[in-house]
Amino acid sequence: MSPTVFRYNQYKFLFFSREERRMHVHVWSPDGEAKIRLEPEIELAVNKGLIQSEIGELLKITKERIHEIKESWRKHFSR
């Protein structure tokens, strides 16, 4: 199960159920994907095919919407 947290332009922010205990979010686009860790700080963990400017934009959006992402994580993984 991979619940979508939100969409931003061509990017889909989502979770993979039970992939890793550390809080993180995956981002998919037609051009590639990224994994962004949320704790202890927001940082890029994996990049497959995205250019640096996209990564910068994704990190910025993650920071802006961190509370929403964390709340969605807690709701999803508390089941």
Protein backbone atom coordinates (compact mmCIF):
# COMPACT_ATOMS: atom_id res chain seq x y z
CA MET A 1 0.00 0.00 0.00
CA SER A 2 1.42 3.39 -1.02
CA PRO A 3 -0.79 6.23 0.19
CA THR A 4 -0.38 9.56 -1.57
CA VAL A 5 0.16 12.45 0.85
CA PHE A 6 -0.26 15.18 -1.78
CA ARG A 7 0.55 16.17 -5.34
CA TYR A 8 2.59 19.19 -6.33
CA ASN A 9 2.81 19.95 -10.05
CA GLN A 10 4.08 16.72 -11.66
CA TYR A 11 5.29 15.29 -8.33
CA LYS A 12 3.50 12.79 -6.14
CA PHE A 13 4.54 12.63 -2.47
CA LEU A 14 3.80 9.23 -0.96
CA PHE A 15 4.70 6.58 1.60
CA PHE A 16 5.62 2.95 1.12
CA SER A 17 4.06 0.95 3.92
CA ARG A 18 6.57 -0.55 6.35
CA GLU A 19 9.61 0.10 4.18
CA GLU A 20 11.70 1.83 6.86
CA ARG A 21 10.94 2.94 10.41
CA ARG A 22 12.66 6.31 10.06
CA MET A 23 10.19 9.01 8.99
CA HIS A 24 10.58 9.79 5.28
CA VAL A 25 8.60 10.48 2.12
CA HIS A 26 9.04 9.32 -1.46
CA VAL A 27 8.50 11.64 -4.42
CA TRP A 28 7.67 10.28 -7.86
CA SER A 29 7.56 12.12 -11.16
CA PRO A 30 7.62 11.06 -14.82
CA ASP A 31 11.36 11.81 -14.84
CA GLY A 32 12.47 9.94 -11.73
CA GLU A 33 12.06 9.57 -8.01
CA ALA A 34 13.56 10.64 -4.71
CA LYS A 35 13.44 9.61 -1.08
CA ILE A 36 13.58 12.41 1.48
CA ARG A 37 14.25 11.74 5.15
CA LEU A 38 12.31 13.91 7.57
CA GLU A 39 14.23 13.20 10.77
CA PRO A 40 16.49 14.12 12.39
CA GLU A 41 16.44 16.79 9.65
CA ILE A 42 15.09 17.06 6.13
CA GLU A 43 17.64 15.60 3.72
CA LEU A 44 17.85 13.76 0.44
CA ALA A 45 18.38 10.03 0.93
CA VAL A 46 18.01 8.73 -2.66
CA ASN A 47 17.79 10.33 -6.09
CA LYS A 48 17.02 8.35 -9.23
CA GLY A 49 16.91 10.51 -12.33
CA LEU A 50 15.97 13.94 -11.00
CA ILE A 51 18.14 16.98 -11.73
CA GLN A 52 19.57 19.14 -8.96
CA SER A 53 17.08 21.99 -9.47
CA GLU A 54 14.21 19.52 -9.03
CA ILE A 55 15.76 18.18 -5.83
CA GLY A 56 16.09 21.72 -4.49
CA GLU A 57 12.44 22.40 -5.26
CA LEU A 58 11.34 19.12 -3.64
CA LEU A 59 13.33 19.84 -0.48
CA LYS A 60 11.78 23.32 -0.32
CA ILE A 61 8.23 21.96 -0.70
CA THR A 62 8.94 19.27 1.90
CA LYS A 63 10.08 21.95 4.37
CA GLU A 64 7.01 24.08 3.65
CA ARG A 65 4.63 21.15 4.14
CA ILE A 66 6.52 19.21 6.81
CA HIS A 67 3.68 19.34 9.35
CA GLU A 68 1.20 17.92 6.84
CA ILE A 69 3.60 15.13 5.85
CA LYS A 70 4.38 14.19 9.46
CA GLU A 71 0.69 14.19 10.41
CA SER A 72 -0.08 11.93 7.44
CA TRP A 73 2.79 9.62 8.48
CA ARG A 74 1.46 9.34 12.03
CA LYS A 75 -2.08 8.61 10.82
CA HIS A 76 -0.95 6.02 8.29
CA PHE A 77 1.55 4.16 10.45
CA SER A 78 -0.49 4.16 13.67
CA ARG A 79 -2.90 1.59 12.22
